[in-house]
PDB file of N, CA and C in Angstrom:
ATOM      1  N   UNK A   1     -82.118 -48.475  17.992  1.00  0.00           N
ATOM      2  CA  UNK A   1     -82.029 -47.842  17.719  1.00  0.00           C
ATOM      3  C   UNK A   1     -80.866 -48.037  16.166  1.00  0.00           C
ATOM      4  N   UNK A   2     -81.455 -47.003  15.636  1.00  0.00           N
ATOM      5  CA  UNK A   2     -80.977 -46.900  13.990  1.00  0.00           C
ATOM      6  C   UNK A   2     -79.207 -46.093  14.748  1.00  0.00           C
ATOM      7  N   UNK A   3     -78.901 -46.060  13.148  1.00  0.00           N
ATOM      8  CA  UNK A   3     -77.136 -45.210  12.984  1.00  0.00           C
ATOM      9  C   UNK A   3     -76.581 -44.581  12.275  1.00  0.00           C
ATOM     10  N   UNK A   4     -76.086 -43.206  12.906  1.00  0.00           N
ATOM     11  CA  UNK A   4     -75.463 -42.682  11.201  1.00  0.00           C
ATOM     12  C   UNK A   4     -74.415 -43.318  11.048  1.00  0.00           C
ATOM     13  N   UNK A   5     -73.960 -43.281   9.911  1.00  0.00           N
ATOM     14  CA  UNK A   5     -71.912 -43.695   9.934  1.00  0.00           C
ATOM     15  C   UNK A   5     -72.155 -42.231   9.216  1.00  0.00           C
ATOM     16  N   UNK A   6     -70.493 -41.284   9.676  1.00  0.00           N
ATOM     17  CA  UNK A   6     -70.735 -39.932   8.986  1.00  0.00           C
ATOM     18  C   UNK A   6     -68.865 -39.642   8.915  1.00  0.00           C
ATOM     19  N   UNK A   7     -69.345 -39.512   7.851  1.00  0.00           N
ATOM     20  CA  UNK A   7     -67.631 -39.467   7.353  1.00  0.00           C
ATOM     21  C   UNK A   7     -67.825 -37.957   6.142  1.00  0.00           C
ATOM     22  N   UNK A   8     -65.778 -37.451   6.634  1.00  0.00           N
ATOM     23  CA  UNK A   8     -65.586 -36.295   6.158  1.00  0.00           C
ATOM     24  C   UNK A   8     -64.122 -36.059   6.176  1.00  0.00           C
ATOM     25  N   UNK A   9     -63.725 -35.846   4.489  1.00  0.00           N
ATOM     26  CA  UNK A   9     -62.581 -36.593   3.851  1.00  0.00           C
ATOM     27  C   UNK A   9     -62.520 -35.940   2.774  1.00  0.00           C
ATOM     28  N   UNK A  10     -61.037 -35.530   2.327  1.00  0.00           N
ATOM     29  CA  UNK A  10     -60.451 -34.675   2.312  1.00  0.00           C
ATOM     30  C   UNK A  10     -59.740 -35.225   0.900  1.00  0.00           C
ATOM     31  N   UNK A  11     -59.857 -35.904  -0.203  1.00  0.00           N
ATOM     32  CA  UNK A  11     -59.722 -36.485  -1.858  1.00  0.00           C
ATOM     33  C   UNK A  11     -58.189 -36.311  -1.682  1.00  0.00           C
ATOM     34  N   UNK A  12     -56.992 -37.082  -1.379  1.00  0.00           N
ATOM     35  CA  UNK A  12     -55.929 -36.427  -2.315  1.00  0.00           C
ATOM     36  C   UNK A  12     -55.639 -37.355  -3.332  1.00  0.00           C
ATOM     37  N   UNK A  13     -56.169 -37.956  -3.876  1.00  0.00           N
ATOM     38  CA  UNK A  13     -55.675 -38.873  -5.008  1.00  0.00           C
ATOM     39  C   UNK A  13     -57.326 -39.070  -5.829  1.00  0.00           C
ATOM     40  N   UNK A  14     -57.576 -38.656  -6.943  1.00  0.00           N
ATOM     41  CA  UNK A  14     -58.860 -38.903  -7.586  1.00  0.00           C
ATOM     42  C   UNK A  14     -59.269 -39.923  -8.077  1.00  0.00           C
ATOM     43  N   UNK A  15     -58.398 -41.022  -8.363  1.00  0.00           N
ATOM     44  CA  UNK A  15     -58.173 -42.503  -9.319  1.00  0.00           C
ATOM     45  C   UNK A  15     -58.131 -42.934  -8.259  1.00  0.00           C
ATOM     46  N   UNK A  16     -57.280 -43.400  -6.796  1.00  0.00           N
ATOM     47  CA  UNK A  16     -57.469 -44.575  -6.181  1.00  0.00           C
ATOM     48  C   UNK A  16     -59.098 -44.255  -5.484  1.00  0.00           C
ATOM     49  N   UNK A  17     -59.088 -42.785  -5.044  1.00  0.00           N
ATOM     50  CA  UNK A  17     -60.433 -42.864  -3.828  1.00  0.00           C
ATOM     51  C   UNK A  17     -61.533 -43.289  -5.067  1.00  0.00           C
ATOM     52  N   UNK A  18     -61.778 -42.502  -6.043  1.00  0.00           N
ATOM     53  CA  UNK A  18     -62.161 -43.691  -7.518  1.00  0.00           C
ATOM     54  C   UNK A  18     -62.420 -44.933  -7.044  1.00  0.00           C
ATOM     55  N   UNK A  19     -61.876 -46.014  -6.976  1.00  0.00           N
ATOM     56  CA  UNK A  19     -61.981 -47.153  -6.861  1.00  0.00           C
ATOM     57  C   UNK A  19     -62.628 -47.792  -5.636  1.00  0.00           C
ATOM     58  N   UNK A  20     -61.956 -46.586  -4.580  1.00  0.00           N
ATOM     59  CA  UNK A  20     -63.321 -46.996  -2.941  1.00  0.00           C
ATOM     60  C   UNK A  20     -64.374 -46.993  -3.184  1.00  0.00           C
ATOM     61  N   UNK A  21     -64.113 -45.254  -4.111  1.00  0.00           N
ATOM     62  CA  UNK A  21     -66.344 -44.750  -4.171  1.00  0.00           C
ATOM     63  C   UNK A  21     -67.166 -46.649  -4.583  1.00  0.00           C
ATOM     64  N   UNK A  22     -66.495 -46.617  -5.997  1.00  0.00           N
ATOM     65  CA  UNK A  22     -67.469 -47.940  -6.284  1.00  0.00           C
ATOM     66  C   UNK A  22     -67.186 -49.574  -5.669  1.00  0.00           C
ATOM     67  N   UNK A  23     -66.618 -49.444  -4.713  1.00  0.00           N
ATOM     68  CA  UNK A  23     -66.741 -50.724  -4.060  1.00  0.00           C
ATOM     69  C   UNK A  23     -67.328 -49.915  -3.081  1.00  0.00           C
ATOM     70  N   UNK A  24     -66.982 -49.502  -1.944  1.00  0.00           N
ATOM     71  CA  UNK A  24     -67.648 -48.938  -0.769  1.00  0.00           C
ATOM     72  C   UNK A  24     -69.516 -48.897  -0.948  1.00  0.00           C
ATOM     73  N   UNK A  25     -69.880 -48.174  -2.000  1.00  0.00           N
ATOM     74  CA  UNK A  25     -71.201 -47.970  -1.985  1.00  0.00           C
ATOM     75  C   UNK A  25     -72.015 -49.708  -2.067  1.00  0.00           C
ATOM     76  N   UNK A  26     -71.088 -50.706  -2.825  1.00  0.00           N
ATOM     77  CA  UNK A  26     -72.286 -51.757  -2.407  1.00  0.00           C
ATOM     78  C   UNK A  26     -71.616 -52.247  -1.468  1.00  0.00           C
ATOM     79  N   UNK A  27     -70.754 -51.849  -0.522  1.00  0.00           N
ATOM     80  CA  UNK A  27     -70.813 -52.984   0.023  1.00  0.00           C
ATOM     81  C   UNK A  27     -71.349 -52.382   1.792  1.00  0.00           C
ATOM     82  N   UNK A  28     -72.163 -51.363   1.893  1.00  0.00           N
ATOM     83  CA  UNK A  28     -72.415 -50.621   1.999  1.00  0.00           C
ATOM     84  C   UNK A  28     -74.062 -50.807   1.985  1.00  0.00           C
ATOM     85  N   UNK A  29     -74.100 -50.797   1.116  1.00  0.00           N
ATOM     86  CA  UNK A  29     -75.697 -51.187   0.791  1.00  0.00           C
ATOM     87  C   UNK A  29     -75.821 -52.619   0.949  1.00  0.00           C
ATOM     88  N   UNK A  30     -75.059 -53.561   0.965  1.00  0.00           N
ATOM     89  CA  UNK A  30     -75.122 -54.977   0.950  1.00  0.00           C
ATOM     90  C   UNK A  30     -75.172 -55.009   2.461  1.00  0.00           C
ATOM     91  N   UNK A  31     -75.501 -54.126   3.667  1.00  0.00           N
ATOM     92  CA  UNK A  31     -75.098 -54.523   5.019  1.00  0.00           C
ATOM     93  C   UNK A  31     -76.085 -53.262   5.295  1.00  0.00           C
ATOM     94  N   UNK A  32     -77.463 -53.254   4.274  1.00  0.00           N
ATOM     95  CA  UNK A  32     -77.924 -51.844   5.365  1.00  0.00           C
ATOM     96  C   UNK A  32     -78.124 -51.220   4.937  1.00  0.00           C
ATOM     97  N   UNK A  33     -77.357 -50.047   4.701  1.00  0.00           N
ATOM     98  CA  UNK A  33     -76.843 -48.981   4.360  1.00  0.00           C
ATOM     99  C   UNK A  33     -77.279 -48.223   3.691  1.00  0.00           C
ATOM    100  N   UNK A  34     -77.770 -47.359   3.885  1.00  0.00           N
ATOM    101  CA  UNK A  34     -78.689 -46.299   2.688  1.00  0.00           C
ATOM    102  C   UNK A  34     -77.517 -45.037   2.926  1.00  0.00           C
ATOM    103  N   UNK A  35     -77.803 -43.959   2.392  1.00  0.00           N
ATOM    104  CA  UNK A  35     -77.000 -42.475   2.042  1.00  0.00           C
ATOM    105  C   UNK A  35     -78.152 -42.049   1.973  1.00  0.00           C
ATOM    106  N   UNK A  36     -78.329 -41.161   2.691  1.00  0.00           N
ATOM    107  CA  UNK A  36     -78.334 -39.744   2.518  1.00  0.00           C
ATOM    108  C   UNK A  36     -78.686 -38.711   2.868  1.00  0.00           C
ATOM    109  N   UNK A  37     -76.570 -38.084   2.743  1.00  0.00           N
ATOM    110  CA  UNK A  37     -75.767 -37.605   1.377  1.00  0.00           C
ATOM    111  C   UNK A  37     -75.124 -37.732   1.737  1.00  0.00           C
ATOM    112  N   UNK A  38     -74.661 -37.418  -0.016  1.00  0.00           N
ATOM    113  CA  UNK A  38     -72.924 -37.753  -0.210  1.00  0.00           C
ATOM    114  C   UNK A  38     -72.842 -36.631  -1.010  1.00  0.00           C
ATOM    115  N   UNK A  39     -71.721 -36.280  -0.358  1.00  0.00           N
ATOM    116  CA  UNK A  39     -70.343 -34.869  -1.538  1.00  0.00           C
ATOM    117  C   UNK A  39     -71.462 -33.325  -1.725  1.00  0.00           C
ATOM    118  N   UNK A  40     -72.507 -33.108  -0.991  1.00  0.00           N
ATOM    119  CA  UNK A  40     -73.372 -33.059  -1.802  1.00  0.00           C
ATOM    120  C   UNK A  40     -73.254 -31.086  -0.249  1.00  0.00           C
ATOM    121  N   UNK A  41     -73.712 -30.251  -1.004  1.00  0.00           N
ATOM    122  CA  UNK A  41     -73.826 -28.660  -0.912  1.00  0.00           C
ATOM    123  C   UNK A  41     -73.581 -28.649   1.579  1.00  0.00           C
ATOM    124  N   UNK A  42     -72.389 -28.172   1.122  1.00  0.00           N
ATOM    125  CA  UNK A  42     -71.968 -27.935   3.181  1.00  0.00           C
ATOM    126  C   UNK A  42     -72.116 -26.250   3.805  1.00  0.00           C
ATOM    127  N   UNK A  43     -72.234 -26.453   5.030  1.00  0.00           N
ATOM    128  CA  UNK A  43     -71.983 -25.204   4.964  1.00  0.00           C
ATOM    129  C   UNK A  43     -70.667 -25.480   6.346  1.00  0.00           C
ATOM    130  N   UNK A  44     -69.689 -25.380   6.843  1.00  0.00           N
ATOM    131  CA  UNK A  44     -69.134 -25.599   7.680  1.00  0.00           C
ATOM    132  C   UNK A  44     -68.347 -24.702   8.496  1.00  0.00           C
ATOM    133  N   UNK A  45     -69.451 -24.908   9.544  1.00  0.00           N
ATOM    134  CA  UNK A  45     -69.912 -23.770  10.804  1.00  0.00           C
ATOM    135  C   UNK A  45     -68.526 -23.827  12.091  1.00  0.00           C
ATOM    136  N   UNK A  46     -68.635 -25.095  11.680  1.00  0.00           N
ATOM    137  CA  UNK A  46     -66.721 -25.085  13.870  1.00  0.00           C
ATOM    138  C   UNK A  46     -65.548 -26.167  12.793  1.00  0.00           C
ATOM    139  N   UNK A  47     -64.672 -26.485  12.583  1.00  0.00           N
ATOM    140  CA  UNK A  47     -63.941 -27.594  12.888  1.00  0.00           C
ATOM    141  C   UNK A  47     -62.665 -27.668  11.546  1.00  0.00           C
ATOM    142  N   UNK A  48     -62.304 -28.229  11.573  1.00  0.00           N
ATOM    143  CA  UNK A  48     -61.453 -28.350  10.153  1.00  0.00           C
ATOM    144  C   UNK A  48     -62.642 -28.791   8.869  1.00  0.00           C
ATOM    145  N   UNK A  49     -62.361 -27.821   7.890  1.00  0.00           N
ATOM    146  CA  UNK A  49     -63.258 -28.117   6.663  1.00  0.00           C
ATOM    147  C   UNK A  49     -62.815 -29.553   6.174  1.00  0.00           C
ATOM    148  N   UNK A  50     -63.353 -30.081   5.458  1.00  0.00           N
ATOM    149  CA  UNK A  50     -63.370 -31.011   4.588  1.00  0.00           C
ATOM    150  C   UNK A  50     -64.488 -31.841   3.171  1.00  0.00           C
ATOM    151  N   UNK A  51     -63.064 -31.175   2.262  1.00  0.00           N
ATOM    152  CA  UNK A  51     -65.099 -30.654   1.116  1.00  0.00           C
ATOM    153  C   UNK A  51     -65.326 -32.146   1.131  1.00  0.00           C
ATOM    154  N   UNK A  52     -65.623 -33.154   0.917  1.00  0.00           N
ATOM    155  CA  UNK A  52     -66.951 -34.044   0.410  1.00  0.00           C
ATOM    156  C   UNK A  52     -67.158 -35.161   2.115  1.00  0.00           C
ATOM    157  N   UNK A  53     -68.388 -34.670   2.435  1.00  0.00           N
ATOM    158  CA  UNK A  53     -68.625 -35.167   3.031  1.00  0.00           C
ATOM    159  C   UNK A  53     -70.423 -36.393   3.162  1.00  0.00           C
ATOM    160  N   UNK A  54     -70.130 -37.107   3.609  1.00  0.00           N
ATOM    161  CA  UNK A  54     -70.730 -37.999   3.383  1.00  0.00           C
ATOM    162  C   UNK A  54     -71.863 -39.182   5.155  1.00  0.00           C
ATOM    163  N   UNK A  55     -73.579 -39.378   4.657  1.00  0.00           N
ATOM    164  CA  UNK A  55     -73.695 -40.228   5.380  1.00  0.00           C
ATOM    165  C   UNK A  55     -74.856 -40.992   5.356  1.00  0.00           C
ATOM    166  N   UNK A  56     -74.598 -42.386   5.901  1.00  0.00           N
ATOM    167  CA  UNK A  56     -75.408 -43.668   5.413  1.00  0.00           C
ATOM    168  C   UNK A  56     -75.836 -43.601   6.638  1.00  0.00           C
ATOM    169  N   UNK A  57     -77.675 -44.342   6.422  1.00  0.00           N
ATOM    170  CA  UNK A  57     -78.166 -44.607   7.370  1.00  0.00           C
ATOM    171  C   UNK A  57     -78.141 -45.935   8.153  1.00  0.00           C
ATOM    172  N   UNK A  58     -77.959 -46.351   9.266  1.00  0.00           N
ATOM    173  CA  UNK A  58     -77.638 -47.721   9.044  1.00  0.00           C
ATOM    174  C   UNK A  58     -79.104 -48.462  10.326  1.00  0.00           C
ATOM    175  N   UNK A  59     -79.848 -49.912  10.320  1.00  0.00           N
ATOM    176  CA  UNK A  59     -79.811 -49.983  11.623  1.00  0.00           C
ATOM    177  C   UNK A  59     -79.555 -49.838  12.350  1.00  0.00           C
ATOM    178  N   UNK A  60     -78.708 -49.734  12.931  1.00  0.00           N
ATOM    179  CA  UNK A  60     -77.989 -50.378  14.451  1.00  0.00           C
ATOM    180  C   UNK A  60     -76.465 -49.795  14.279  1.00  0.00           C
ATOM    181  N   UNK A  61     -75.912 -49.167  15.811  1.00  0.00           N
ATOM    182  CA  UNK A  61     -74.672 -49.036  15.686  1.00  0.00           C
ATOM    183  C   UNK A  61     -73.511 -50.466  15.124  1.00  0.00           C
ATOM    184  N   UNK A  62     -73.975 -51.588  15.899  1.00  0.00           N
ATOM    185  CA  UNK A  62     -73.532 -52.577  15.198  1.00  0.00           C
ATOM    186  C   UNK A  62     -73.948 -52.790  13.634  1.00  0.00           C
ATOM    187  N   UNK A  63     -74.810 -53.224  13.657  1.00  0.00           N
ATOM    188  CA  UNK A  63     -75.029 -52.934  11.291  1.00  0.00           C
ATOM    189  C   UNK A  63     -73.659 -52.733  10.671  1.00  0.00           C
ATOM    190  N   UNK A  64     -73.167 -51.030  11.499  1.00  0.00           N
ATOM    191  CA  UNK A  64     -73.011 -49.791  10.859  1.00  0.00           C
ATOM    192  C   UNK A  64     -70.743 -50.809  11.340  1.00  0.00           C
ATOM    193  N   UNK A  65     -71.656 -50.676  12.273  1.00  0.00           N
ATOM    194  CA  UNK A  65     -69.362 -50.954  13.112  1.00  0.00           C
ATOM    195  C   UNK A  65     -69.267 -52.965  11.499  1.00  0.00           C
ATOM    196  N   UNK A  66     -70.549 -53.873  11.866  1.00  0.00           N
ATOM    197  CA  UNK A  66     -70.353 -54.610  10.819  1.00  0.00           C
ATOM    198  C   UNK A  66     -70.260 -53.986   9.547  1.00  0.00           C
ATOM    199  N   UNK A  67     -70.708 -53.202   9.284  1.00  0.00           N
ATOM    200  CA  UNK A  67     -70.308 -53.156   7.694  1.00  0.00           C
ATOM    201  C   UNK A  67     -68.903 -52.505   7.663  1.00  0.00           C
ATOM    202  N   UNK A  68     -68.240 -51.658   8.403  1.00  0.00           N
ATOM    203  CA  UNK A  68     -67.005 -50.584   8.283  1.00  0.00           C
ATOM    204  C   UNK A  68     -66.152 -52.626   8.278  1.00  0.00           C
ATOM    205  N   UNK A  69     -66.026 -53.748   9.312  1.00  0.00           N
ATOM    206  CA  UNK A  69     -65.468 -54.990   9.748  1.00  0.00           C
ATOM    207  C   UNK A  69     -64.927 -55.226   8.828  1.00  0.00           C
ATOM    208  N   UNK A  70     -66.711 -55.239   7.943  1.00  0.00           N
ATOM    209  CA  UNK A  70     -66.716 -56.285   7.023  1.00  0.00           C
ATOM    210  C   UNK A  70     -65.273 -57.276   5.650  1.00  0.00           C
ATOM    211  N   UNK A  71     -65.771 -57.862   4.600  1.00  0.00           N
ATOM    212  CA  UNK A  71     -64.155 -58.002   4.214  1.00  0.00           C
ATOM    213  C   UNK A  71     -64.735 -56.984   2.595  1.00  0.00           C
ATOM    214  N   UNK A  72     -66.222 -56.371   2.343  1.00  0.00           N
ATOM    215  CA  UNK A  72     -66.269 -55.735   1.049  1.00  0.00           C
ATOM    216  C   UNK A  72     -65.702 -55.028   1.605  1.00  0.00           C
ATOM    217  N   UNK A  73     -66.069 -54.053   3.123  1.00  0.00           N
ATOM    218  CA  UNK A  73     -65.852 -52.271   3.246  1.00  0.00           C
ATOM    219  C   UNK A  73     -64.433 -52.069   3.047  1.00  0.00           C
ATOM    220  N   UNK A  74     -64.157 -53.654   4.137  1.00  0.00           N
ATOM    221  CA  UNK A  74     -61.592 -53.412   4.433  1.00  0.00           C
ATOM    222  C   UNK A  74     -61.181 -52.754   3.047  1.00  0.00           C
ATOM    223  N   UNK A  75     -61.597 -54.011   1.725  1.00  0.00           N
ATOM    224  CA  UNK A  75     -61.195 -53.956  -0.060  1.00  0.00           C
ATOM    225  C   UNK A  75     -61.426 -52.626  -0.222  1.00  0.00           C
ATOM    226  N   UNK A  76     -62.500 -52.309   0.034  1.00  0.00           N
ATOM    227  CA  UNK A  76     -62.662 -50.337   0.049  1.00  0.00           C
ATOM    228  C   UNK A  76     -62.403 -49.839   0.491  1.00  0.00           C
ATOM    229  N   UNK A  77     -61.823 -50.075   1.217  1.00  0.00           N
ATOM    230  CA  UNK A  77     -60.637 -48.796   1.843  1.00  0.00           C
ATOM    231  C   UNK A  77     -59.707 -48.612   2.054  1.00  0.00           C
ATOM    232  N   UNK A  78     -59.328 -50.170   1.955  1.00  0.00           N
ATOM    233  CA  UNK A  78     -57.854 -50.741   0.761  1.00  0.00           C
ATOM    234  C   UNK A  78     -57.454 -49.470  -0.555  1.00  0.00           C
ATOM    235  N   UNK A  79     -58.350 -48.776  -0.705  1.00  0.00           N
ATOM    236  CA  UNK A  79     -58.145 -48.060  -1.726  1.00  0.00           C
ATOM    237  C   UNK A  79     -58.054 -46.551  -1.328  1.00  0.00           C
ATOM    238  N   UNK A  80     -59.349 -46.103  -0.341  1.00  0.00           N
ATOM    239  CA  UNK A  80     -58.843 -44.907   0.260  1.00  0.00           C
ATOM    240  C   UNK A  80     -58.053 -44.475   0.800  1.00  0.00           C
ATOM    241  N   UNK A  81     -57.067 -45.643   1.158  1.00  0.00           N
ATOM    242  CA  UNK A  81     -55.386 -44.708   2.351  1.00  0.00           C
ATOM    243  C   UNK A  81     -54.715 -45.152   1.187  1.00  0.00           C
ATOM    244  N   UNK A  82     -53.993 -43.265   1.701  1.00  0.00           N
ATOM    245  CA  UNK A  82     -53.217 -43.329   1.244  1.00  0.00           C
ATOM    246  C   UNK A  82     -53.227 -42.001  -0.136  1.00  0.00           C
ATOM    247  N   UNK A  83     -54.633 -42.116  -0.432  1.00  0.00           N
ATOM    248  CA  UNK A  83     -55.673 -41.606  -0.900  1.00  0.00           C
ATOM    249  C   UNK A  83     -56.692 -40.848  -0.215  1.00  0.00           C
ATOM    250  N   UNK A  84     -56.463 -40.235   0.468  1.00  0.00           N
ATOM    251  CA  UNK A  84     -57.378 -39.284   1.646  1.00  0.00           C
ATOM    252  C   UNK A  84     -57.063 -38.919   2.716  1.00  0.00           C
ATOM    253  N   UNK A  85     -57.318 -38.275   3.494  1.00  0.00           N
ATOM    254  CA  UNK A  85     -57.413 -37.982   4.868  1.00  0.00           C
ATOM    255  C   UNK A  85     -59.082 -37.612   5.626  1.00  0.00           C
ATOM    256  N   UNK A  86     -59.785 -38.619   5.660  1.00  0.00           N
ATOM    257  CA  UNK A  86     -61.250 -38.408   7.080  1.00  0.00           C
ATOM    258  C   UNK A  86     -60.374 -38.523   7.441  1.00  0.00           C
ATOM    259  N   UNK A  87     -61.917 -38.710   8.167  1.00  0.00           N
ATOM    260  CA  UNK A  87     -62.225 -38.795   9.805  1.00  0.00           C
ATOM    261  C   UNK A  87     -64.350 -39.881   9.294  1.00  0.00           C
ATOM    262  N   UNK A  88     -63.829 -40.983   9.737  1.00  0.00           N
ATOM    263  CA  UNK A  88     -65.444 -41.737   9.649  1.00  0.00           C
ATOM    264  C   UNK A  88     -65.949 -42.061  11.860  1.00  0.00           C
ATOM    265  N   UNK A  89     -67.601 -41.766  12.078  1.00  0.00           N
ATOM    266  CA  UNK A  89     -67.647 -41.933  13.496  1.00  0.00           C
ATOM    267  C   UNK A  89     -69.485 -42.418  12.682  1.00  0.00           C
ATOM    268  N   UNK A  90     -69.274 -43.840  13.933  1.00  0.00           N
ATOM    269  CA  UNK A  90     -70.619 -44.018  13.507  1.00  0.00           C
ATOM    270  C   UNK A  90     -71.915 -43.106  14.999  1.00  0.00           C
ATOM    271  N   UNK A  91     -73.341 -42.645  14.740  1.00  0.00           N
ATOM    272  CA  UNK A  91     -73.902 -41.686  15.942  1.00  0.00           C
ATOM    273  C   UNK A  91     -74.844 -42.877  16.259  1.00  0.00           C
ATOM    274  N   UNK A  92     -75.230 -43.128  17.293  1.00  0.00           N
ATOM    275  CA  UNK A  92     -76.914 -43.723  17.122  1.00  0.00           C
ATOM    276  C   UNK A  92     -77.845 -43.078  17.522  1.00  0.00           C
ATOM    277  N   UNK A  93     -78.617 -42.926  16.881  1.00  0.00           N
ATOM    278  CA  UNK A  93     -80.023 -41.181  16.149  1.00  0.00           C
ATOM    279  C   UNK A  93     -81.294 -41.708  17.682  1.00  0.00           C
ATOM    280  N   UNK A  94     -81.090 -40.731  18.059  1.00  0.00           N
ATOM    281  CA  UNK A  94     -82.444 -40.843  18.864  1.00  0.00           C
ATOM    282  C   UNK A  94     -84.074 -41.630  18.463  1.00  0.00           C
ATOM    283  N   UNK A  95     -83.651 -42.295  17.043  1.00  0.00           N
ATOM    284  CA  UNK A  95     -85.630 -42.859  16.304  1.00  0.00           C
ATOM    285  C   UNK A  95     -86.071 -44.113  17.450  1.00  0.00           C
TER     286      UNK A  95
END
């Protein structure tokens, strides 16, 4: 089964978060992730609004979690911590 990596983000330090984005994209791609939504237009219907929303598709939940735990992504994440407020989850698709 495929999986979606879904992040909801409020950026608090644009410069540091830019470094995260620069490193995160290649790390996600290296692990087979493909962006299907990235900071596009959205409508918040419930819950806390975050102005940046990102969805990436992976081959499996395990592939997405392996990406998150990879040295490459953890290096990227070190720039996002303290530069953003985020929620991130991985959900298995029904396909």
